[in-house]
Amino acid sequence: MKGTHLGEFEEILLLAVAALQEEAYGLAIMKEITEQAGRKVTLSAVHAAANRLEEKGFLKAEFGEKSARRGGKRKKIYRVSLEGQYALRAAFELRQRMWQRISPSSFQIDLSW
């Protein structure tokens, strides 16, 4: 496995794949990130990040069935690997620890979500 650090976009992409489950293919991932994170992303950025995450061992991919609607092409369906699940859990726990260290008086906004 190559590297264990998750960049912000990689983390968001992994979360999108986990949320989409069996529908986690390029275009759906792009739409999920746009809708949930409010970020405009390109399909090529999704594919580049997904390839990096596959290299790190955080994503697994397999091809779906051919579709006449897609000109005989198959969708590449992603799923979060066990290593990816551990990486997401570690990122979540780190963020929680860091937030817990912040005194509510440190901010002018209400932190009691």
PDB file of N, CA and C in Angstrom:
ATOM      1  N   MET A   1       0.849  -1.174   0.000  1.00  0.00           N
ATOM      2  CA  MET A   1       0.000   0.000   0.000  1.00  0.00           C
ATOM      3  C   MET A   1       0.892   1.233   0.000  1.00  0.00           C
ATOM      4  N   LYS A   2       0.581   2.185  -0.872  1.00  0.00           N
ATOM      5  CA  LYS A   2       1.388   3.382  -1.036  1.00  0.00           C
ATOM      6  C   LYS A   2       0.791   4.535  -0.241  1.00  0.00           C
ATOM      7  N   GLY A   3       1.447   5.015   0.781  1.00  0.00           N
ATOM      8  CA  GLY A   3       1.005   6.177   1.544  1.00  0.00           C
ATOM      9  C   GLY A   3      -0.314   5.969   2.261  1.00  0.00           C
ATOM     10  N   THR A   4      -0.435   6.576   3.413  1.00  0.00           N
ATOM     11  CA  THR A   4      -1.681   6.431   4.158  1.00  0.00           C
ATOM     12  C   THR A   4      -2.362   7.767   4.411  1.00  0.00           C
ATOM     13  N   HIS A   5      -1.738   8.856   4.029  1.00  0.00           N
ATOM     14  CA  HIS A   5      -2.328  10.175   4.248  1.00  0.00           C
ATOM     15  C   HIS A   5      -3.448  10.419   3.243  1.00  0.00           C
ATOM     16  N   LEU A   6      -4.557  10.969   3.736  1.00  0.00           N
ATOM     17  CA  LEU A   6      -5.669  11.345   2.864  1.00  0.00           C
ATOM     18  C   LEU A   6      -5.699  12.853   2.714  1.00  0.00           C
ATOM     19  N   GLY A   7      -5.702  13.316   1.459  1.00  0.00           N
ATOM     20  CA  GLY A   7      -5.942  14.726   1.222  1.00  0.00           C
ATOM     21  C   GLY A   7      -7.434  14.999   1.388  1.00  0.00           C
ATOM     22  N   GLU A   8      -7.789  16.280   1.472  1.00  0.00           N
ATOM     23  CA  GLU A   8      -9.194  16.628   1.677  1.00  0.00           C
ATOM     24  C   GLU A   8     -10.086  16.083   0.564  1.00  0.00           C
ATOM     25  N   PHE A   9      -9.689  16.276  -0.683  1.00  0.00           N
ATOM     26  CA  PHE A   9     -10.510  15.806  -1.791  1.00  0.00           C
ATOM     27  C   PHE A   9     -10.600  14.284  -1.797  1.00  0.00           C
ATOM     28  N   GLU A  10      -9.499  13.621  -1.464  1.00  0.00           N
ATOM     29  CA  GLU A  10      -9.518  12.155  -1.396  1.00  0.00           C
ATOM     30  C   GLU A  10     -10.498  11.677  -0.324  1.00  0.00           C
ATOM     31  N   GLU A  11     -10.491  12.340   0.807  1.00  0.00           N
ATOM     32  CA  GLU A  11     -11.415  11.972   1.881  1.00  0.00           C
ATOM     33  C   GLU A  11     -12.866  12.159   1.433  1.00  0.00           C
ATOM     34  N   ILE A  12     -13.143  13.290   0.806  1.00  0.00           N
ATOM     35  CA  ILE A  12     -14.494  13.558   0.313  1.00  0.00           C
ATOM     36  C   ILE A  12     -14.903  12.525  -0.725  1.00  0.00           C
ATOM     37  N   LEU A  13     -13.980  12.166  -1.609  1.00  0.00           N
ATOM     38  CA  LEU A  13     -14.286  11.164  -2.630  1.00  0.00           C
ATOM     39  C   LEU A  13     -14.574   9.802  -1.997  1.00  0.00           C
ATOM     40  N   LEU A  14     -13.773   9.401  -1.026  1.00  0.00           N
ATOM     41  CA  LEU A  14     -14.026   8.132  -0.342  1.00  0.00           C
ATOM     42  C   LEU A  14     -15.393   8.137   0.341  1.00  0.00           C
ATOM     43  N   LEU A  15     -15.737   9.258   0.954  1.00  0.00           N
ATOM     44  CA  LEU A  15     -17.041   9.365   1.613  1.00  0.00           C
ATOM     45  C   LEU A  15     -18.171   9.275   0.583  1.00  0.00           C
ATOM     46  N   ALA A  16     -17.979   9.890  -0.569  1.00  0.00           N
ATOM     47  CA  ALA A  16     -18.988   9.822  -1.633  1.00  0.00           C
ATOM     48  C   ALA A  16     -19.156   8.388  -2.120  1.00  0.00           C
ATOM     49  N   VAL A  17     -18.059   7.685  -2.311  1.00  0.00           N
ATOM     50  CA  VAL A  17     -18.124   6.280  -2.748  1.00  0.00           C
ATOM     51  C   VAL A  17     -18.858   5.445  -1.709  1.00  0.00           C
ATOM     52  N   ALA A  18     -18.552   5.649  -0.445  1.00  0.00           N
ATOM     53  CA  ALA A  18     -19.223   4.902   0.620  1.00  0.00           C
ATOM     54  C   ALA A  18     -20.722   5.193   0.628  1.00  0.00           C
ATOM     55  N   ALA A  19     -21.088   6.443   0.413  1.00  0.00           N
ATOM     56  CA  ALA A  19     -22.504   6.819   0.422  1.00  0.00           C
ATOM     57  C   ALA A  19     -23.247   6.255  -0.785  1.00  0.00           C
ATOM     58  N   LEU A  20     -22.594   6.226  -1.935  1.00  0.00           N
ATOM     59  CA  LEU A  20     -23.244   5.775  -3.174  1.00  0.00           C
ATOM     60  C   LEU A  20     -23.346   4.255  -3.289  1.00  0.00           C
ATOM     61  N   GLN A  21     -22.503   3.548  -2.578  1.00  0.00           N
ATOM     62  CA  GLN A  21     -22.475   2.087  -2.582  1.00  0.00           C
ATOM     63  C   GLN A  21     -22.359   1.528  -4.006  1.00  0.00           C
ATOM     64  N   GLU A  22     -23.330   0.739  -4.458  1.00  0.00           N
ATOM     65  CA  GLU A  22     -23.233   0.075  -5.773  1.00  0.00           C
ATOM     66  C   GLU A  22     -23.327   1.048  -6.941  1.00  0.00           C
ATOM     67  N   GLU A  23     -23.683   2.288  -6.680  1.00  0.00           N
ATOM     68  CA  GLU A  23     -23.807   3.301  -7.737  1.00  0.00           C
ATOM     69  C   GLU A  23     -22.603   4.233  -7.784  1.00  0.00           C
ATOM     70  N   ALA A  24     -21.489   3.819  -7.205  1.00  0.00           N
ATOM     71  CA  ALA A  24     -20.298   4.670  -7.126  1.00  0.00           C
ATOM     72  C   ALA A  24     -19.444   4.539  -8.383  1.00  0.00           C
ATOM     73  N   TYR A  25     -19.833   5.254  -9.421  1.00  0.00           N
ATOM     74  CA  TYR A  25     -19.038   5.332 -10.653  1.00  0.00           C
ATOM     75  C   TYR A  25     -18.739   6.808 -10.896  1.00  0.00           C
ATOM     76  N   GLY A  26     -17.840   7.087 -11.808  1.00  0.00           N
ATOM     77  CA  GLY A  26     -17.315   8.438 -12.011  1.00  0.00           C
ATOM     78  C   GLY A  26     -18.318   9.571 -11.979  1.00  0.00           C
ATOM     79  N   LEU A  27     -19.308   9.541 -12.863  1.00  0.00           N
ATOM     80  CA  LEU A  27     -20.269  10.633 -12.969  1.00  0.00           C
ATOM     81  C   LEU A  27     -21.105  10.775 -11.697  1.00  0.00           C
ATOM     82  N   ALA A  28     -21.523   9.659 -11.123  1.00  0.00           N
ATOM     83  CA  ALA A  28     -22.314   9.710  -9.885  1.00  0.00           C
ATOM     84  C   ALA A  28     -21.485  10.280  -8.734  1.00  0.00           C
ATOM     85  N   ILE A  29     -20.209   9.923  -8.672  1.00  0.00           N
ATOM     86  CA  ILE A  29     -19.322  10.448  -7.633  1.00  0.00           C
ATOM     87  C   ILE A  29     -19.177  11.961  -7.801  1.00  0.00           C
ATOM     88  N   MET A  30     -18.982  12.395  -9.040  1.00  0.00           N
ATOM     89  CA  MET A  30     -18.851  13.821  -9.325  1.00  0.00           C
ATOM     90  C   MET A  30     -20.102  14.574  -8.873  1.00  0.00           C
ATOM     91  N   LYS A  31     -21.274  14.055  -9.185  1.00  0.00           N
ATOM     92  CA  LYS A  31     -22.535  14.697  -8.795  1.00  0.00           C
ATOM     93  C   LYS A  31     -22.698  14.712  -7.279  1.00  0.00           C
ATOM     94  N   GLU A  32     -22.342  13.620  -6.619  1.00  0.00           N
ATOM     95  CA  GLU A  32     -22.462  13.535  -5.161  1.00  0.00           C
ATOM     96  C   GLU A  32     -21.577  14.579  -4.478  1.00  0.00           C
ATOM     97  N   ILE A  33     -20.360  14.718  -4.945  1.00  0.00           N
ATOM     98  CA  ILE A  33     -19.443  15.703  -4.359  1.00  0.00           C
ATOM     99  C   ILE A  33     -19.964  17.111  -4.601  1.00  0.00           C
ATOM    100  N   THR A  34     -20.452  17.366  -5.809  1.00  0.00           N
ATOM    101  CA  THR A  34     -20.993  18.685  -6.127  1.00  0.00           C
ATOM    102  C   THR A  34     -22.177  19.017  -5.234  1.00  0.00           C
ATOM    103  N   GLU A  35     -23.086  18.060  -5.081  1.00  0.00           N
ATOM    104  CA  GLU A  35     -24.292  18.290  -4.287  1.00  0.00           C
ATOM    105  C   GLU A  35     -23.994  18.388  -2.791  1.00  0.00           C
ATOM    106  N   GLN A  36     -23.199  17.495  -2.274  1.00  0.00           N
ATOM    107  CA  GLN A  36     -22.984  17.435  -0.824  1.00  0.00           C
ATOM    108  C   GLN A  36     -21.927  18.415  -0.334  1.00  0.00           C
ATOM    109  N   ALA A  37     -20.871  18.615  -1.107  1.00  0.00           N
ATOM    110  CA  ALA A  37     -19.783  19.485  -0.661  1.00  0.00           C
ATOM    111  C   ALA A  37     -19.881  20.882  -1.262  1.00  0.00           C
ATOM    112  N   GLY A  38     -20.769  21.033  -2.235  1.00  0.00           N
ATOM    113  CA  GLY A  38     -20.899  22.345  -2.864  1.00  0.00           C
ATOM    114  C   GLY A  38     -19.662  22.731  -3.655  1.00  0.00           C
ATOM    115  N   ARG A  39     -18.957  21.727  -4.146  1.00  0.00           N
ATOM    116  CA  ARG A  39     -17.730  21.968  -4.904  1.00  0.00           C
ATOM    117  C   ARG A  39     -17.935  21.554  -6.343  1.00  0.00           C
ATOM    118  N   LYS A  40     -17.536  22.401  -7.241  1.00  0.00           N
ATOM    119  CA  LYS A  40     -17.603  22.062  -8.649  1.00  0.00           C
ATOM    120  C   LYS A  40     -16.337  21.271  -8.983  1.00  0.00           C
ATOM    121  N   VAL A  41     -16.513  20.040  -9.411  1.00  0.00           N
ATOM    122  CA  VAL A  41     -15.371  19.192  -9.750  1.00  0.00           C
ATOM    123  C   VAL A  41     -15.569  18.638 -11.153  1.00  0.00           C
ATOM    124  N   THR A  42     -14.472  18.304 -11.782  1.00  0.00           N
ATOM    125  CA  THR A  42     -14.539  17.725 -13.117  1.00  0.00           C
ATOM    126  C   THR A  42     -14.461  16.205 -13.022  1.00  0.00           C
ATOM    127  N   LEU A  43     -14.935  15.566 -14.052  1.00  0.00           N
ATOM    128  CA  LEU A  43     -14.866  14.110 -14.112  1.00  0.00           C
ATOM    129  C   LEU A  43     -13.414  13.642 -14.123  1.00  0.00           C
ATOM    130  N   SER A  44     -12.543  14.401 -14.791  1.00  0.00           N
ATOM    131  CA  SER A  44     -11.127  14.008 -14.818  1.00  0.00           C
ATOM    132  C   SER A  44     -10.492  14.107 -13.430  1.00  0.00           C
ATOM    133  N   ALA A  45     -10.916  15.075 -12.612  1.00  0.00           N
ATOM    134  CA  ALA A  45     -10.400  15.178 -11.241  1.00  0.00           C
ATOM    135  C   ALA A  45     -10.859  13.987 -10.416  1.00  0.00           C
ATOM    136  N   VAL A  46     -12.107  13.556 -10.624  1.00  0.00           N
ATOM    137  CA  VAL A  46     -12.627  12.379  -9.921  1.00  0.00           C
ATOM    138  C   VAL A  46     -11.828  11.147 -10.305  1.00  0.00           C
ATOM    139  N   HIS A  47     -11.605  10.966 -11.607  1.00  0.00           N
ATOM    140  CA  HIS A  47     -10.861   9.789 -12.066  1.00  0.00           C
ATOM    141  C   HIS A  47      -9.415   9.810 -11.573  1.00  0.00           C
ATOM    142  N   ALA A  48      -8.779  10.975 -11.584  1.00  0.00           N
ATOM    143  CA  ALA A  48      -7.389  11.068 -11.119  1.00  0.00           C
ATOM    144  C   ALA A  48      -7.295  10.714  -9.635  1.00  0.00           C
ATOM    145  N   ALA A  49      -8.203  11.264  -8.835  1.00  0.00           N
ATOM    146  CA  ALA A  49      -8.189  10.974  -7.396  1.00  0.00           C
ATOM    147  C   ALA A  49      -8.529   9.511  -7.136  1.00  0.00           C
ATOM    148  N   ALA A  50      -9.489   8.973  -7.873  1.00  0.00           N
ATOM    149  CA  ALA A  50      -9.857   7.566  -7.700  1.00  0.00           C
ATOM    150  C   ALA A  50      -8.678   6.661  -8.040  1.00  0.00           C
ATOM    151  N   ASN A  51      -7.931   7.004  -9.078  1.00  0.00           N
ATOM    152  CA  ASN A  51      -6.748   6.216  -9.439  1.00  0.00           C
ATOM    153  C   ASN A  51      -5.702   6.267  -8.324  1.00  0.00           C
ATOM    154  N   ARG A  52      -5.487   7.452  -7.741  1.00  0.00           N
ATOM    155  CA  ARG A  52      -4.542   7.572  -6.614  1.00  0.00           C
ATOM    156  C   ARG A  52      -4.994   6.716  -5.443  1.00  0.00           C
ATOM    157  N   LEU A  53      -6.289   6.759  -5.152  1.00  0.00           N
ATOM    158  CA  LEU A  53      -6.819   5.987  -4.030  1.00  0.00           C
ATOM    159  C   LEU A  53      -6.738   4.490  -4.285  1.00  0.00           C
ATOM    160  N   GLU A  54      -6.869   4.085  -5.543  1.00  0.00           N
ATOM    161  CA  GLU A  54      -6.667   2.663  -5.886  1.00  0.00           C
ATOM    162  C   GLU A  54      -5.209   2.277  -5.646  1.00  0.00           C
ATOM    163  N   GLU A  55      -4.284   3.144  -6.064  1.00  0.00           N
ATOM    164  CA  GLU A  55      -2.854   2.872  -5.870  1.00  0.00           C
ATOM    165  C   GLU A  55      -2.509   2.768  -4.391  1.00  0.00           C
ATOM    166  N   LYS A  56      -3.147   3.594  -3.567  1.00  0.00           N
ATOM    167  CA  LYS A  56      -2.912   3.557  -2.122  1.00  0.00           C
ATOM    168  C   LYS A  56      -3.576   2.344  -1.477  1.00  0.00           C
ATOM    169  N   GLY A  57      -4.478   1.698  -2.204  1.00  0.00           N
ATOM    170  CA  GLY A  57      -5.181   0.542  -1.660  1.00  0.00           C
ATOM    171  C   GLY A  57      -6.462   0.899  -0.929  1.00  0.00           C
ATOM    172  N   PHE A  58      -6.914   2.145  -1.060  1.00  0.00           N
ATOM    173  CA  PHE A  58      -8.111   2.596  -0.351  1.00  0.00           C
ATOM    174  C   PHE A  58      -9.397   2.371  -1.135  1.00  0.00           C
ATOM    175  N   LEU A  59      -9.282   2.180  -2.430  1.00  0.00           N
ATOM    176  CA  LEU A  59     -10.442   1.885  -3.285  1.00  0.00           C
ATOM    177  C   LEU A  59     -10.188   0.609  -4.055  1.00  0.00           C
ATOM    178  N   LYS A  60     -11.262  -0.110  -4.318  1.00  0.00           N
ATOM    179  CA  LYS A  60     -11.253  -1.256  -5.214  1.00  0.00           C
ATOM    180  C   LYS A  60     -12.212  -0.897  -6.343  1.00  0.00           C
ATOM    181  N   ALA A  61     -11.974  -1.434  -7.521  1.00  0.00           N
ATOM    182  CA  ALA A  61     -12.865  -1.134  -8.647  1.00  0.00           C
ATOM    183  C   ALA A  61     -13.106  -2.391  -9.469  1.00  0.00           C
ATOM    184  N   GLU A  62     -14.289  -2.442 -10.042  1.00  0.00           N
ATOM    185  CA  GLU A  62     -14.618  -3.501 -10.987  1.00  0.00           C
ATOM    186  C   GLU A  62     -15.546  -2.905 -12.032  1.00  0.00           C
ATOM    187  N   PHE A  63     -15.578  -3.532 -13.186  1.00  0.00           N
ATOM    188  CA  PHE A  63     -16.413  -3.025 -14.255  1.00  0.00           C
ATOM    189  C   PHE A  63     -17.786  -3.674 -14.213  1.00  0.00           C
ATOM    190  N   GLY A  64     -18.807  -2.837 -14.439  1.00  0.00           N
ATOM    191  CA  GLY A  64     -20.176  -3.323 -14.518  1.00  0.00           C
ATOM    192  C   GLY A  64     -20.447  -3.907 -15.892  1.00  0.00           C
ATOM    193  N   GLU A  65     -21.695  -4.208 -16.131  1.00  0.00           N
ATOM    194  CA  GLU A  65     -22.113  -4.774 -17.421  1.00  0.00           C
ATOM    195  C   GLU A  65     -22.064  -3.720 -18.519  1.00  0.00           C
ATOM    196  N   LYS A  66     -21.876  -4.176 -19.761  1.00  0.00           N
ATOM    197  CA  LYS A  66     -21.927  -3.284 -20.915  1.00  0.00           C
ATOM    198  C   LYS A  66     -23.340  -2.753 -21.056  1.00  0.00           C
ATOM    199  N   SER A  67     -23.420  -1.537 -21.583  1.00  0.00           N
ATOM    200  CA  SER A  67     -24.727  -0.908 -21.744  1.00  0.00           C
ATOM    201  C   SER A  67     -24.827  -0.293 -23.128  1.00  0.00           C
ATOM    202  N   ALA A  68     -25.923  -0.592 -23.826  1.00  0.00           N
ATOM    203  CA  ALA A  68     -26.158   0.011 -25.139  1.00  0.00           C
ATOM    204  C   ALA A  68     -26.289   1.521 -24.988  1.00  0.00           C
ATOM    205  N   ARG A  69     -26.858   1.927 -23.870  1.00  0.00           N
ATOM    206  CA  ARG A  69     -27.040   3.351 -23.589  1.00  0.00           C
ATOM    207  C   ARG A  69     -25.706   4.079 -23.492  1.00  0.00           C
ATOM    208  N   ARG A  70     -24.669   3.355 -23.101  1.00  0.00           N
ATOM    209  CA  ARG A  70     -23.329   3.940 -22.978  1.00  0.00           C
ATOM    210  C   ARG A  70     -22.451   3.563 -24.168  1.00  0.00           C
ATOM    211  N   GLY A  71     -23.067   3.171 -25.259  1.00  0.00           N
ATOM    212  CA  GLY A  71     -22.298   2.811 -26.452  1.00  0.00           C
ATOM    213  C   GLY A  71     -21.495   1.542 -26.281  1.00  0.00           C
ATOM    214  N   GLY A  72     -21.994   0.612 -25.481  1.00  0.00           N
ATOM    215  CA  GLY A  72     -21.305  -0.652 -25.249  1.00  0.00           C
ATOM    216  C   GLY A  72     -20.212  -0.574 -24.192  1.00  0.00           C
ATOM    217  N   LYS A  73     -20.035   0.592 -23.594  1.00  0.00           N
ATOM    218  CA  LYS A  73     -19.003   0.748 -22.558  1.00  0.00           C
ATOM    219  C   LYS A  73     -19.537   0.312 -21.201  1.00  0.00           C
ATOM    220  N   ARG A  74     -18.615  -0.087 -20.354  1.00  0.00           N
ATOM    221  CA  ARG A  74     -18.976  -0.527 -19.005  1.00  0.00           C
ATOM    222  C   ARG A  74     -18.570   0.538 -17.994  1.00  0.00           C
ATOM    223  N   LYS A  75     -19.374   0.695 -16.952  1.00  0.00           N
ATOM    224  CA  LYS A  75     -19.052   1.620 -15.871  1.00  0.00           C
ATOM    225  C   LYS A  75     -18.008   0.980 -14.959  1.00  0.00           C
ATOM    226  N   LYS A  76     -17.093   1.794 -14.496  1.00  0.00           N
ATOM    227  CA  LYS A  76     -16.129   1.344 -13.500  1.00  0.00           C
ATOM    228  C   LYS A  76     -16.741   1.678 -12.140  1.00  0.00           C
ATOM    229  N   ILE A  77     -17.096   0.655 -11.385  1.00  0.00           N
ATOM    230  CA  ILE A  77     -17.752   0.826 -10.095  1.00  0.00           C
ATOM    231  C   ILE A  77     -16.700   0.722  -8.989  1.00  0.00           C
ATOM    232  N   TYR A  78     -16.714   1.698  -8.102  1.00  0.00           N
ATOM    233  CA  TYR A  78     -15.752   1.735  -7.008  1.00  0.00           C
ATOM    234  C   TYR A  78     -16.399   1.321  -5.695  1.00  0.00           C
ATOM    235  N   ARG A  79     -15.570   0.800  -4.808  1.00  0.00           N
ATOM    236  CA  ARG A  79     -16.001   0.546  -3.436  1.00  0.00           C
ATOM    237  C   ARG A  79     -14.812   0.813  -2.529  1.00  0.00           C
ATOM    238  N   VAL A  80     -15.118   1.204  -1.307  1.00  0.00           N
ATOM    239  CA  VAL A  80     -14.060   1.513  -0.343  1.00  0.00           C
ATOM    240  C   VAL A  80     -13.530   0.192   0.207  1.00  0.00           C
ATOM    241  N   SER A  81     -12.227   0.004   0.094  1.00  0.00           N
ATOM    242  CA  SER A  81     -11.589  -1.215   0.608  1.00  0.00           C
ATOM    243  C   SER A  81     -11.515  -1.160   2.131  1.00  0.00           C
ATOM    244  N   LEU A  82     -11.121  -2.256   2.735  1.00  0.00           N
ATOM    245  CA  LEU A  82     -10.938  -2.291   4.188  1.00  0.00           C
ATOM    246  C   LEU A  82      -9.896  -1.253   4.615  1.00  0.00           C
ATOM    247  N   GLU A  83      -8.804  -1.144   3.847  1.00  0.00           N
ATOM    248  CA  GLU A  83      -7.774  -0.147   4.151  1.00  0.00           C
ATOM    249  C   GLU A  83      -8.350   1.266   4.055  1.00  0.00           C
ATOM    250  N   GLY A  84      -9.217   1.497   3.071  1.00  0.00           N
ATOM    251  CA  GLY A  84      -9.869   2.792   2.927  1.00  0.00           C
ATOM    252  C   GLY A  84     -10.795   3.096   4.087  1.00  0.00           C
ATOM    253  N   GLN A  85     -11.464   2.067   4.579  1.00  0.00           N
ATOM    254  CA  GLN A  85     -12.342   2.247   5.740  1.00  0.00           C
ATOM    255  C   GLN A  85     -11.525   2.640   6.963  1.00  0.00           C
ATOM    256  N   TYR A  86     -10.379   1.994   7.139  1.00  0.00           N
ATOM    257  CA  TYR A  86      -9.498   2.354   8.254  1.00  0.00           C
ATOM    258  C   TYR A  86      -8.991   3.787   8.104  1.00  0.00           C
ATOM    259  N   ALA A  87      -8.640   4.172   6.890  1.00  0.00           N
ATOM    260  CA  ALA A  87      -8.144   5.530   6.652  1.00  0.00           C
ATOM    261  C   ALA A  87      -9.227   6.562   6.942  1.00  0.00           C
ATOM    262  N   LEU A  88     -10.457   6.285   6.530  1.00  0.00           N
ATOM    263  CA  LEU A  88     -11.562   7.202   6.821  1.00  0.00           C
ATOM    264  C   LEU A  88     -11.813   7.295   8.319  1.00  0.00           C
ATOM    265  N   ARG A  89     -11.770   6.164   8.984  1.00  0.00           N
ATOM    266  CA  ARG A  89     -11.987   6.151  10.438  1.00  0.00           C
ATOM    267  C   ARG A  89     -10.904   6.963  11.148  1.00  0.00           C
ATOM    268  N   ALA A  90      -9.652   6.798  10.708  1.00  0.00           N
ATOM    269  CA  ALA A  90      -8.545   7.541  11.312  1.00  0.00           C
ATOM    270  C   ALA A  90      -8.711   9.044  11.082  1.00  0.00           C
ATOM    271  N   ALA A  91      -9.128   9.435   9.887  1.00  0.00           N
ATOM    272  CA  ALA A  91      -9.346  10.856   9.586  1.00  0.00           C
ATOM    273  C   ALA A  91     -10.474  11.411  10.444  1.00  0.00           C
ATOM    274  N   PHE A  92     -11.546  10.643  10.602  1.00  0.00           N
ATOM    275  CA  PHE A  92     -12.678  11.047  11.434  1.00  0.00           C
ATOM    276  C   PHE A  92     -12.241  11.241  12.883  1.00  0.00           C
ATOM    277  N   GLU A  93     -11.497  10.269  13.408  1.00  0.00           N
ATOM    278  CA  GLU A  93     -11.052  10.335  14.802  1.00  0.00           C
ATOM    279  C   GLU A  93     -10.098  11.507  15.031  1.00  0.00           C
ATOM    280  N   LEU A  94      -9.212  11.763  14.072  1.00  0.00           N
ATOM    281  CA  LEU A  94      -8.300  12.899  14.182  1.00  0.00           C
ATOM    282  C   LEU A  94      -9.081  14.205  14.238  1.00  0.00           C
ATOM    283  N   ARG A  95     -10.050  14.362  13.341  1.00  0.00           N
ATOM    284  CA  ARG A  95     -10.851  15.589  13.329  1.00  0.00           C
ATOM    285  C   ARG A  95     -11.617  15.745  14.648  1.00  0.00           C
ATOM    286  N   GLN A  96     -12.167  14.670  15.161  1.00  0.00           N
ATOM    287  CA  GLN A  96     -12.882  14.736  16.449  1.00  0.00           C
ATOM    288  C   GLN A  96     -11.950  15.177  17.571  1.00  0.00           C
ATOM    289  N   ARG A  97     -10.761  14.567  17.637  1.00  0.00           N
ATOM    290  CA  ARG A  97      -9.796  14.934  18.682  1.00  0.00           C
ATOM    291  C   ARG A  97      -9.427  16.407  18.592  1.00  0.00           C
ATOM    292  N   MET A  98      -9.188  16.873  17.373  1.00  0.00           N
ATOM    293  CA  MET A  98      -8.796  18.269  17.189  1.00  0.00           C
ATOM    294  C   MET A  98      -9.932  19.210  17.570  1.00  0.00           C
ATOM    295  N   TRP A  99     -11.163  18.894  17.181  1.00  0.00           N
ATOM    296  CA  TRP A  99     -12.304  19.735  17.544  1.00  0.00           C
ATOM    297  C   TRP A  99     -12.516  19.760  19.055  1.00  0.00           C
ATOM    298  N   GLN A 100     -12.297  18.633  19.712  1.00  0.00           N
ATOM    299  CA  GLN A 100     -12.491  18.572  21.159  1.00  0.00           C
ATOM    300  C   GLN A 100     -11.484  19.429  21.915  1.00  0.00           C
ATOM    301  N   ARG A 101     -10.371  19.702  21.290  1.00  0.00           N
ATOM    302  CA  ARG A 101      -9.341  20.522  21.933  1.00  0.00           C
ATOM    303  C   ARG A 101      -9.630  22.015  21.831  1.00  0.00           C
ATOM    304  N   ILE A 102     -10.603  22.391  21.035  1.00  0.00           N
ATOM    305  CA  ILE A 102     -10.913  23.806  20.845  1.00  0.00           C
ATOM    306  C   ILE A 102     -11.912  24.262  21.902  1.00  0.00           C
ATOM    307  N   SER A 103     -11.548  25.288  22.612  1.00  0.00           N
ATOM    308  CA  SER A 103     -12.444  25.873  23.613  1.00  0.00           C
ATOM    309  C   SER A 103     -13.548  26.643  22.888  1.00  0.00           C
ATOM    310  N   PRO A 104     -14.793  26.484  23.328  1.00  0.00           N
ATOM    311  CA  PRO A 104     -15.887  27.247  22.698  1.00  0.00           C
ATOM    312  C   PRO A 104     -15.640  28.752  22.702  1.00  0.00           C
ATOM    313  N   SER A 105     -14.867  29.248  23.664  1.00  0.00           N
ATOM    314  CA  SER A 105     -14.585  30.680  23.721  1.00  0.00           C
ATOM    315  C   SER A 105     -13.571  31.126  22.651  1.00  0.00           C
ATOM    316  N   SER A 106     -12.970  30.156  21.954  1.00  0.00           N
ATOM    317  CA  SER A 106     -11.997  30.471  20.913  1.00  0.00           C
ATOM    318  C   SER A 106     -12.650  31.041  19.653  1.00  0.00           C
ATOM    319  N   PHE A 107     -13.955  30.772  19.494  1.00  0.00           N
ATOM    320  CA  PHE A 107     -14.656  31.195  18.297  1.00  0.00           C
ATOM    321  C   PHE A 107     -15.754  32.188  18.640  1.00  0.00           C
ATOM    322  N   GLN A 108     -16.071  33.011  17.681  1.00  0.00           N
ATOM    323  CA  GLN A 108     -17.183  33.940  17.846  1.00  0.00           C
ATOM    324  C   GLN A 108     -18.501  33.277  17.482  1.00  0.00           C
ATOM    325  N   ILE A 109     -18.437  32.169  16.758  1.00  0.00           N
ATOM    326  CA  ILE A 109     -19.651  31.462  16.369  1.00  0.00           C
ATOM    327  C   ILE A 109     -19.935  30.339  17.363  1.00  0.00           C
ATOM    328  N   ASP A 110     -21.163  29.890  17.392  1.00  0.00           N
ATOM    329  CA  ASP A 110     -21.582  28.816  18.298  1.00  0.00           C
ATOM    330  C   ASP A 110     -21.093  27.476  17.750  1.00  0.00           C
ATOM    331  N   LEU A 111     -20.332  26.751  18.520  1.00  0.00           N
ATOM    332  CA  LEU A 111     -19.802  25.448  18.109  1.00  0.00           C
ATOM    333  C   LEU A 111     -20.646  24.283  18.612  1.00  0.00           C
ATOM    334  N   SER A 112     -21.747  24.534  19.247  1.00  0.00           N
ATOM    335  CA  SER A 112     -22.556  23.451  19.788  1.00  0.00           C
ATOM    336  C   SER A 112     -23.544  22.949  18.734  1.00  0.00           C
ATOM    337  N   TRP A 113     -23.029  22.097  17.876  1.00  0.00           N
ATOM    338  CA  TRP A 113     -23.854  21.546  16.812  1.00  0.00           C
ATOM    339  C   TRP A 113     -24.708  20.486  17.390  1.00  0.00           C
TER     340      TRP A 113
END
